Structures are given as structure tokens and as C-alpha cells.
């Protein structure tokens, strides 16, 4: 759907397509690089010299204030640093291999499958729980809800205060996101959401459950360790450039 966007940049040499770069702000002041492609024979610096200037100019025109890049594999980082990018955060992967499921006691809270009418409340939780680097637009949230294998909300007194979503690619399930409204953190509701997600994944045949978290998010990591998650050793660095 974004192929015709002016934020989808194609690099050519002598009439041949040798690379592409797509970045999208998704109704956030921060645009993320969503797609990267370059010919094996093309030098990375040459490619960046072709695609970065036009994408930065167009992102400014769209009102973006920052460009963020998740460096899968670590190949881009050295080249981004020389162009003014700075490290934003480290993202690590955790995995749960055992079948133990700790109890989760959250008084007056319940978890149920999310429905389409929950999206505005889920959006409010998302904006309250995360900085603008990690926001989703309503359209993206609706797509994620539609395609996720597990998408659930936590309620307190009829109010949506948290949500969790994930995908199955058997034998692995991946928890894409778990979020709690800050006003309701520390009451065991996040554990309730996590427990429900893991149980649902198991019910549908998952043998492993993975998730990503920031290496400096010690609060979340304590919860994940309690549920038996441990590091896989995978680490990605997210980079940012102020526009």
C-alpha cells in the first residue's frame, strides 16, 4: 500500500534499481525505517548517499521530527553514526522454554479478548504507556488487532487499562507488545495479561514464547524473569536522527 508513497525511495544506477528505503511516521513525530534493500554489489555508503537525503527532506515536509532505525544484524550502525545518528536504545530478545506458569493476582482486574470497539481505549493506553518512538496509529492498531493470534485487554471496573498482542509462527509464539496505563502499573495486571497470553499461545501449540524488550527496562525484565524468560543473546541497537 506504500509503494506509491513519496517516502518510498528507490535508488538507481545506470537505469537499474539497486536499492530502496522506506520510512513512515505512522501519525507520530518519529518516523521509523520500515524497509531496507540494497544490491549486494552496492557499497553501503554509496546507497545511503543516494537514499538518505531525499527521505530526510520528505520526512521534514511530512512534519516528522526524528528518523529512527532498528539495526537488525548490526551492519548499518557504523554508517549511521558517521551521518549524525546516535544510539536510542538496545533491544534484547527473551525466550521462555519451560511450561511453568506463575500465579498472577490482580484484584478486581480481568482479561478478555479485545474487540474493535476497544481500539480507542487501547490507543489511549498506548500513548500513555510509551514515548512517541513506539506509538502506533489507529489504522496500524486495527490491522494488528485483526491479524494477531492473540489480542487481549485488561479491564478494571469496565475500563481498559492494558493490552497485549502476539503472533503464532509454530512452534514459536512472539509477544509483540504488552502495555499498561501508568496509573494502573504495579498492581499485578501486567502479570495477568502476560499469563493469559502465554496460556493462549500454549493452547494453540506454541512450544516457545519470545518477546523483545529494552535492555534498560529493568522493571519489565523483573516480570519476565518471574515468568521464566531468559535472554537469547540477540541484541539490536535502535538509532535516531533529529530532523
C-alpha atoms as a PDB file:
ATOM      1  CA  UNK A   1       0.000   0.000   0.000  1.00  0.00           C
ATOM      2  CA  UNK A   2       3.001   2.330   0.476  1.00  0.00           C
ATOM      3  CA  UNK A   3       4.726   1.669  -2.846  1.00  0.00           C
ATOM      4  CA  UNK A   4       3.372   4.911  -4.288  1.00  0.00           C
ATOM      5  CA  UNK A   5       4.276   6.975  -1.212  1.00  0.00           C
ATOM      6  CA  UNK A   6       6.819   9.760  -1.629  1.00  0.00           C
ATOM      7  CA  UNK A   7       8.525   8.248   1.433  1.00  0.00           C
ATOM      8  CA  UNK A   8       9.388   5.100  -0.542  1.00  0.00           C
ATOM      9  CA  UNK A   9      12.760   5.943  -2.097  1.00  0.00           C
ATOM     10  CA  UNK A  10      14.257   3.852  -4.903  1.00  0.00           C
ATOM     11  CA  UNK A  11      17.966   4.115  -5.734  1.00  0.00           C
ATOM     12  CA  UNK A  12      19.083   3.664  -9.330  1.00  0.00           C
ATOM     13  CA  UNK A  13      22.437   3.394 -11.069  1.00  0.00           C
ATOM     14  CA  UNK A  14      22.614   3.499 -14.857  1.00  0.00           C
ATOM     15  CA  UNK A  15      18.893   2.808 -15.069  1.00  0.00           C
ATOM     16  CA  UNK A  16      18.920  -0.224 -12.776  1.00  0.00           C
ATOM     17  CA  UNK A  17      17.233  -0.338  -9.374  1.00  0.00           C
ATOM     18  CA  UNK A  18      19.989  -1.040  -6.837  1.00  0.00           C
ATOM     19  CA  UNK A  19      18.261  -0.287  -3.560  1.00  0.00           C
ATOM     20  CA  UNK A  20      15.285   1.117  -1.698  1.00  0.00           C
ATOM     21  CA  UNK A  21      14.435   2.744   1.613  1.00  0.00           C
ATOM     22  CA  UNK A  22      11.010   3.295   3.134  1.00  0.00           C
ATOM     23  CA  UNK A  23      10.310   5.282   6.303  1.00  0.00           C
ATOM     24  CA  UNK A  24       6.913   6.049   7.777  1.00  0.00           C
ATOM     25  CA  UNK A  25       5.894   8.277  10.719  1.00  0.00           C
ATOM     26  CA  UNK A  26       2.582   6.431  11.365  1.00  0.00           C
ATOM     27  CA  UNK A  27       0.958   9.511  12.954  1.00  0.00           C
ATOM     28  CA  UNK A  28       3.919  10.046  15.264  1.00  0.00           C
ATOM     29  CA  UNK A  29       6.637  12.714  15.294  1.00  0.00           C
ATOM     30  CA  UNK A  30       9.085   9.823  14.943  1.00  0.00           C
ATOM     31  CA  UNK A  31       9.366   8.060  11.579  1.00  0.00           C
ATOM     32  CA  UNK A  32      10.821   4.555  11.564  1.00  0.00           C
ATOM     33  CA  UNK A  33      12.705   2.936   8.718  1.00  0.00           C
ATOM     34  CA  UNK A  34      10.321   0.150   7.683  1.00  0.00           C
ATOM     35  CA  UNK A  35      12.112  -1.352   4.682  1.00  0.00           C
ATOM     36  CA  UNK A  36      15.737  -1.524   3.590  1.00  0.00           C
ATOM     37  CA  UNK A  37      17.008  -3.116   0.378  1.00  0.00           C
ATOM     38  CA  UNK A  38      20.280  -2.834  -1.494  1.00  0.00           C
ATOM     39  CA  UNK A  39      22.085  -4.778  -4.160  1.00  0.00           C
ATOM     40  CA  UNK A  40      24.921  -6.976  -2.879  1.00  0.00           C
ATOM     41  CA  UNK A  41      27.324  -5.209  -5.216  1.00  0.00           C
ATOM     42  CA  UNK A  42      26.392  -1.743  -3.941  1.00  0.00           C
ATOM     43  CA  UNK A  43      28.567  -0.078  -1.324  1.00  0.00           C
ATOM     44  CA  UNK A  44      26.552   0.793   1.792  1.00  0.00           C
ATOM     45  CA  UNK A  45      27.845   4.365   1.884  1.00  0.00           C
ATOM     46  CA  UNK A  46      27.009   4.854  -1.786  1.00  0.00           C
ATOM     47  CA  UNK A  47      23.498   3.580  -1.150  1.00  0.00           C
ATOM     48  CA  UNK A  48      22.965   5.814   1.884  1.00  0.00           C
ATOM     49  CA  UNK A  49      24.228   8.805  -0.084  1.00  0.00           C
ATOM     50  CA  UNK A  50      21.532   8.080  -2.663  1.00  0.00           C
ATOM     51  CA  UNK A  51      18.546   7.420  -0.397  1.00  0.00           C
ATOM     52  CA  UNK A  52      19.070   9.376   2.833  1.00  0.00           C
ATOM     53  CA  UNK A  53      18.996  12.998   1.562  1.00  0.00           C
ATOM     54  CA  UNK A  54      15.631  12.681  -0.244  1.00  0.00           C
ATOM     55  CA  UNK A  55      13.972  10.721   2.578  1.00  0.00           C
ATOM     56  CA  UNK A  56      15.090  13.270   5.183  1.00  0.00           C
ATOM     57  CA  UNK A  57      13.778  16.167   3.109  1.00  0.00           C
ATOM     58  CA  UNK A  58      10.414  14.476   2.564  1.00  0.00           C
ATOM     59  CA  UNK A  59      10.059  13.458   6.208  1.00  0.00           C
ATOM     60  CA  UNK A  60      10.532  17.087   7.240  1.00  0.00           C
ATOM     61  CA  UNK A  61       7.826  18.031   4.739  1.00  0.00           C
ATOM     62  CA  UNK A  62       5.530  15.467   6.402  1.00  0.00           C
ATOM     63  CA  UNK A  63       6.169  17.042   9.803  1.00  0.00           C
ATOM     64  CA  UNK A  64       8.383  14.300  11.223  1.00  0.00           C
ATOM     65  CA  UNK A  65      10.839  15.467  13.861  1.00  0.00           C
ATOM     66  CA  UNK A  66      13.028  12.393  14.026  1.00  0.00           C
ATOM     67  CA  UNK A  67      14.077   9.344  11.994  1.00  0.00           C
ATOM     68  CA  UNK A  68      14.643   6.074  13.864  1.00  0.00           C
ATOM     69  CA  UNK A  69      16.342   2.941  12.517  1.00  0.00           C
ATOM     70  CA  UNK A  70      16.353  -0.512  14.117  1.00  0.00           C
ATOM     71  CA  UNK A  71      19.684  -2.012  13.076  1.00  0.00           C
ATOM     72  CA  UNK A  72      18.934  -5.696  12.559  1.00  0.00           C
ATOM     73  CA  UNK A  73      22.239  -7.545  12.270  1.00  0.00           C
ATOM     74  CA  UNK A  74      24.371  -4.565  13.253  1.00  0.00           C
ATOM     75  CA  UNK A  75      25.539  -3.769   9.729  1.00  0.00           C
ATOM     76  CA  UNK A  76      24.152  -0.244   9.472  1.00  0.00           C
ATOM     77  CA  UNK A  77      25.287   1.263  12.780  1.00  0.00           C
ATOM     78  CA  UNK A  78      28.814   2.398  11.854  1.00  0.00           C
ATOM     79  CA  UNK A  79      27.495   4.069   8.697  1.00  0.00           C
ATOM     80  CA  UNK A  80      24.619   5.735  10.547  1.00  0.00           C
ATOM     81  CA  UNK A  81      26.913   7.127  13.231  1.00  0.00           C
ATOM     82  CA  UNK A  82      29.011   8.982  10.645  1.00  0.00           C
ATOM     83  CA  UNK A  83      25.795  10.601   9.367  1.00  0.00           C
ATOM     84  CA  UNK A  84      24.764  12.023  12.718  1.00  0.00           C
ATOM     85  CA  UNK A  85      22.632   9.196  14.081  1.00  0.00           C
ATOM     86  CA  UNK A  86      23.009   8.440  17.791  1.00  0.00           C
ATOM     87  CA  UNK A  87      22.037   5.282  19.711  1.00  0.00           C
ATOM     88  CA  UNK A  88      18.469   5.431  21.005  1.00  0.00           C
ATOM     89  CA  UNK A  89      18.248   2.137  22.887  1.00  0.00           C
ATOM     90  CA  UNK A  90      19.291  -1.509  22.896  1.00  0.00           C
ATOM     91  CA  UNK A  91      16.591  -4.093  22.261  1.00  0.00           C
ATOM     92  CA  UNK A  92      17.104  -7.647  23.512  1.00  0.00           C
ATOM     93  CA  UNK A  93      15.155 -10.847  22.855  1.00  0.00           C
ATOM     94  CA  UNK A  94      13.946 -13.086  25.674  1.00  0.00           C
ATOM     95  CA  UNK A  95      12.579 -16.622  25.376  1.00  0.00           C
ATOM     96  CA  UNK A  96      10.505 -18.870  27.610  1.00  0.00           C
ATOM     97  CA  UNK A  97      11.169 -22.583  27.112  1.00  0.00           C
ATOM     98  CA  UNK A  98       9.624 -24.136  30.231  1.00  0.00           C
ATOM     99  CA  UNK A  99       5.962 -24.858  30.920  1.00  0.00           C
ATOM    100  CA  UNK A 100       5.749 -23.246  34.347  1.00  0.00           C
ATOM    101  CA  UNK A 101       3.145 -20.537  34.736  1.00  0.00           C
ATOM    102  CA  UNK A 102       3.294 -18.443  37.922  1.00  0.00           C
ATOM    103  CA  UNK A 103       0.121 -17.217  39.534  1.00  0.00           C
ATOM    104  CA  UNK A 104      -0.998 -13.674  38.822  1.00  0.00           C
ATOM    105  CA  UNK A 105      -3.121 -11.988  41.450  1.00  0.00           C
ATOM    106  CA  UNK A 106      -4.685  -8.744  40.296  1.00  0.00           C
ATOM    107  CA  UNK A 107      -7.623  -7.704  42.447  1.00  0.00           C
ATOM    108  CA  UNK A 108     -10.691  -6.501  40.530  1.00  0.00           C
ATOM    109  CA  UNK A 109      -8.946  -6.944  37.153  1.00  0.00           C
ATOM    110  CA  UNK A 110      -9.896  -9.288  34.329  1.00  0.00           C
ATOM    111  CA  UNK A 111      -8.572 -10.166  30.868  1.00  0.00           C
ATOM    112  CA  UNK A 112     -10.733 -10.764  27.799  1.00  0.00           C
ATOM    113  CA  UNK A 113     -10.278 -10.842  24.013  1.00  0.00           C
ATOM    114  CA  UNK A 114     -10.186  -7.369  22.510  1.00  0.00           C
ATOM    115  CA  UNK A 115     -12.864  -6.215  20.095  1.00  0.00           C
ATOM    116  CA  UNK A 116     -13.000  -3.463  17.506  1.00  0.00           C
ATOM    117  CA  UNK A 117     -14.781  -1.109  19.905  1.00  0.00           C
ATOM    118  CA  UNK A 118     -11.798  -1.327  22.287  1.00  0.00           C
ATOM    119  CA  UNK A 119      -9.380   0.305  19.842  1.00  0.00           C
ATOM    120  CA  UNK A 120      -9.824   3.918  21.061  1.00  0.00           C
ATOM    121  CA  UNK A 121      -9.192   2.822  24.665  1.00  0.00           C
ATOM    122  CA  UNK A 122      -6.205   0.725  23.559  1.00  0.00           C
ATOM    123  CA  UNK A 123      -4.824   3.763  21.737  1.00  0.00           C
ATOM    124  CA  UNK A 124      -5.135   5.815  24.922  1.00  0.00           C
ATOM    125  CA  UNK A 125      -3.206   3.166  26.872  1.00  0.00           C
ATOM    126  CA  UNK A 126      -0.556   3.031  24.157  1.00  0.00           C
ATOM    127  CA  UNK A 127       0.016   6.790  24.152  1.00  0.00           C
ATOM    128  CA  UNK A 128       0.176   6.921  27.948  1.00  0.00           C
ATOM    129  CA  UNK A 129       2.499   3.919  28.300  1.00  0.00           C
ATOM    130  CA  UNK A 130       5.100   4.693  25.618  1.00  0.00           C
ATOM    131  CA  UNK A 131       7.121   7.604  24.309  1.00  0.00           C
ATOM    132  CA  UNK A 132       6.388   8.747  20.765  1.00  0.00           C
ATOM    133  CA  UNK A 133       9.143   6.471  19.428  1.00  0.00           C
ATOM    134  CA  UNK A 134       6.839   3.487  19.959  1.00  0.00           C
ATOM    135  CA  UNK A 135       3.402   4.885  19.100  1.00  0.00           C
ATOM    136  CA  UNK A 136       1.088   3.210  16.593  1.00  0.00           C
ATOM    137  CA  UNK A 137      -1.577   4.952  14.552  1.00  0.00           C
ATOM    138  CA  UNK A 138      -5.173   3.829  14.921  1.00  0.00           C
ATOM    139  CA  UNK A 139      -5.037   2.231  11.465  1.00  0.00           C
ATOM    140  CA  UNK A 140      -1.949   0.216  12.419  1.00  0.00           C
ATOM    141  CA  UNK A 141      -3.516  -0.820  15.713  1.00  0.00           C
ATOM    142  CA  UNK A 142      -6.650  -2.030  13.941  1.00  0.00           C
ATOM    143  CA  UNK A 143      -4.553  -4.041  11.479  1.00  0.00           C
ATOM    144  CA  UNK A 144      -2.560  -5.601  14.315  1.00  0.00           C
ATOM    145  CA  UNK A 145      -5.729  -6.493  16.181  1.00  0.00           C
ATOM    146  CA  UNK A 146      -7.137  -8.119  13.044  1.00  0.00           C
ATOM    147  CA  UNK A 147      -4.103 -10.277  12.250  1.00  0.00           C
ATOM    148  CA  UNK A 148      -2.777 -11.099  15.730  1.00  0.00           C
ATOM    149  CA  UNK A 149      -3.142 -14.635  17.019  1.00  0.00           C
ATOM    150  CA  UNK A 150      -3.665 -13.190  20.494  1.00  0.00           C
ATOM    151  CA  UNK A 151      -5.003  -9.722  21.219  1.00  0.00           C
ATOM    152  CA  UNK A 152      -6.482  -9.104  24.648  1.00  0.00           C
ATOM    153  CA  UNK A 153      -7.290  -6.270  27.009  1.00  0.00           C
ATOM    154  CA  UNK A 154      -7.217  -5.968  30.783  1.00  0.00           C
ATOM    155  CA  UNK A 155     -10.134  -4.247  32.472  1.00  0.00           C
ATOM    156  CA  UNK A 156     -10.693  -2.682  35.870  1.00  0.00           C
ATOM    157  CA  UNK A 157     -14.268  -1.665  36.683  1.00  0.00           C
ATOM    158  CA  UNK A 158     -15.135  -1.798  32.977  1.00  0.00           C
ATOM    159  CA  UNK A 159     -12.212   0.423  31.943  1.00  0.00           C
ATOM    160  CA  UNK A 160      -9.499  -0.842  29.576  1.00  0.00           C
ATOM    161  CA  UNK A 161      -6.209  -0.300  31.409  1.00  0.00           C
ATOM    162  CA  UNK A 162      -3.836  -2.551  29.445  1.00  0.00           C
ATOM    163  CA  UNK A 163      -3.480  -4.789  26.430  1.00  0.00           C
ATOM    164  CA  UNK A 164      -1.272  -7.490  24.941  1.00  0.00           C
ATOM    165  CA  UNK A 165      -0.871  -8.803  21.414  1.00  0.00           C
ATOM    166  CA  UNK A 166       1.189 -11.501  19.755  1.00  0.00           C
ATOM    167  CA  UNK A 167       1.588 -13.869  16.829  1.00  0.00           C
ATOM    168  CA  UNK A 168       1.996 -17.590  16.335  1.00  0.00           C
ATOM    169  CA  UNK A 169       4.586 -18.985  13.964  1.00  0.00           C
ATOM    170  CA  UNK A 170       4.646 -22.505  15.285  1.00  0.00           C
ATOM    171  CA  UNK A 171       6.440 -23.817  17.174  1.00  0.00           C
ATOM    172  CA  UNK A 172       7.213 -20.246  18.335  1.00  0.00           C
ATOM    173  CA  UNK A 173       4.870 -17.553  19.595  1.00  0.00           C
ATOM    174  CA  UNK A 174       6.049 -13.963  19.812  1.00  0.00           C
ATOM    175  CA  UNK A 175       4.532 -11.395  22.158  1.00  0.00           C
ATOM    176  CA  UNK A 176       4.657  -8.209  20.111  1.00  0.00           C
ATOM    177  CA  UNK A 177       3.517  -5.835  22.805  1.00  0.00           C
ATOM    178  CA  UNK A 178       2.238  -5.673  26.355  1.00  0.00           C
ATOM    179  CA  UNK A 179       1.256  -2.273  27.708  1.00  0.00           C
ATOM    180  CA  UNK A 180      -0.228  -0.945  30.921  1.00  0.00           C
ATOM    181  CA  UNK A 181      -1.587   2.509  31.621  1.00  0.00           C
ATOM    182  CA  UNK A 182       0.884   4.091  34.085  1.00  0.00           C
ATOM    183  CA  UNK A 183      -1.922   4.799  36.570  1.00  0.00           C
ATOM    184  CA  UNK A 184      -2.536   1.053  36.897  1.00  0.00           C
ATOM    185  CA  UNK A 185       1.034  -0.251  36.959  1.00  0.00           C
ATOM    186  CA  UNK A 186       2.309  -2.113  39.995  1.00  0.00           C
ATOM    187  CA  UNK A 187      -0.969  -3.904  40.740  1.00  0.00           C
ATOM    188  CA  UNK A 188      -0.253  -7.238  39.044  1.00  0.00           C
ATOM    189  CA  UNK A 189      -2.325  -6.520  35.947  1.00  0.00           C
ATOM    190  CA  UNK A 190       0.660  -6.789  33.609  1.00  0.00           C
ATOM    191  CA  UNK A 191       1.353 -10.250  35.045  1.00  0.00           C
ATOM    192  CA  UNK A 192      -2.290 -11.152  34.436  1.00  0.00           C
ATOM    193  CA  UNK A 193      -2.002 -10.095  30.786  1.00  0.00           C
ATOM    194  CA  UNK A 194       1.280 -11.966  30.359  1.00  0.00           C
ATOM    195  CA  UNK A 195      -0.087 -15.130  31.940  1.00  0.00           C
ATOM    196  CA  UNK A 196      -3.173 -15.060  29.718  1.00  0.00           C
ATOM    197  CA  UNK A 197      -1.058 -14.570  26.589  1.00  0.00           C
ATOM    198  CA  UNK A 198       1.317 -17.438  27.402  1.00  0.00           C
ATOM    199  CA  UNK A 199      -1.572 -19.769  28.233  1.00  0.00           C
ATOM    200  CA  UNK A 200      -3.317 -18.888  24.964  1.00  0.00           C
ATOM    201  CA  UNK A 201      -0.126 -19.482  22.974  1.00  0.00           C
ATOM    202  CA  UNK A 202       0.294 -22.905  24.589  1.00  0.00           C
ATOM    203  CA  UNK A 203      -3.328 -23.783  23.859  1.00  0.00           C
ATOM    204  CA  UNK A 204      -2.609 -23.161  20.182  1.00  0.00           C
ATOM    205  CA  UNK A 205       0.520 -25.328  20.048  1.00  0.00           C
ATOM    206  CA  UNK A 206       3.394 -22.989  20.860  1.00  0.00           C
ATOM    207  CA  UNK A 207       6.483 -24.634  22.366  1.00  0.00           C
ATOM    208  CA  UNK A 208       8.465 -21.421  22.875  1.00  0.00           C
ATOM    209  CA  UNK A 209       7.397 -17.861  23.627  1.00  0.00           C
ATOM    210  CA  UNK A 210       9.633 -14.932  22.724  1.00  0.00           C
ATOM    211  CA  UNK A 211       9.451 -11.188  23.240  1.00  0.00           C
ATOM    212  CA  UNK A 212      11.602  -8.100  22.836  1.00  0.00           C
ATOM    213  CA  UNK A 213      12.322  -5.505  25.485  1.00  0.00           C
ATOM    214  CA  UNK A 214      14.737  -2.655  26.005  1.00  0.00           C
ATOM    215  CA  UNK A 215      17.907  -3.670  27.827  1.00  0.00           C
ATOM    216  CA  UNK A 216      17.469  -0.846  30.347  1.00  0.00           C
ATOM    217  CA  UNK A 217      13.814  -1.652  31.113  1.00  0.00           C
ATOM    218  CA  UNK A 218      14.586  -3.420  34.379  1.00  0.00           C
ATOM    219  CA  UNK A 219      11.007  -3.107  35.643  1.00  0.00           C
ATOM    220  CA  UNK A 220       9.627  -5.220  32.785  1.00  0.00           C
ATOM    221  CA  UNK A 221      12.544  -7.633  32.889  1.00  0.00           C
ATOM    222  CA  UNK A 222      11.778  -8.497  36.523  1.00  0.00           C
ATOM    223  CA  UNK A 223       8.293  -9.557  35.444  1.00  0.00           C
ATOM    224  CA  UNK A 224       9.618 -11.571  32.511  1.00  0.00           C
ATOM    225  CA  UNK A 225      12.206 -13.344  34.673  1.00  0.00           C
ATOM    226  CA  UNK A 226       9.474 -14.304  37.139  1.00  0.00           C
ATOM    227  CA  UNK A 227       7.672 -15.972  34.253  1.00  0.00           C
ATOM    228  CA  UNK A 228      10.770 -17.915  33.202  1.00  0.00           C
ATOM    229  CA  UNK A 229      12.013 -15.792  30.316  1.00  0.00           C
ATOM    230  CA  UNK A 230      15.745 -15.625  29.700  1.00  0.00           C
ATOM    231  CA  UNK A 231      17.987 -13.854  27.175  1.00  0.00           C
ATOM    232  CA  UNK A 232      18.670 -15.452  23.804  1.00  0.00           C
ATOM    233  CA  UNK A 233      21.786 -13.335  23.268  1.00  0.00           C
ATOM    234  CA  UNK A 234      20.199 -11.443  20.376  1.00  0.00           C
ATOM    235  CA  UNK A 235      20.641  -7.677  20.585  1.00  0.00           C
ATOM    236  CA  UNK A 236      19.635  -4.872  18.238  1.00  0.00           C
ATOM    237  CA  UNK A 237      20.535  -1.206  18.503  1.00  0.00           C
ATOM    238  CA  UNK A 238      17.971   1.418  17.564  1.00  0.00           C
ATOM    239  CA  UNK A 239      19.425   4.645  16.173  1.00  0.00           C
ATOM    240  CA  UNK A 240      17.849   8.093  15.932  1.00  0.00           C
ATOM    241  CA  UNK A 241      18.481  11.255  13.944  1.00  0.00           C
ATOM    242  CA  UNK A 242      16.896  14.591  14.825  1.00  0.00           C
ATOM    243  CA  UNK A 243      15.391  16.295  11.789  1.00  0.00           C
END
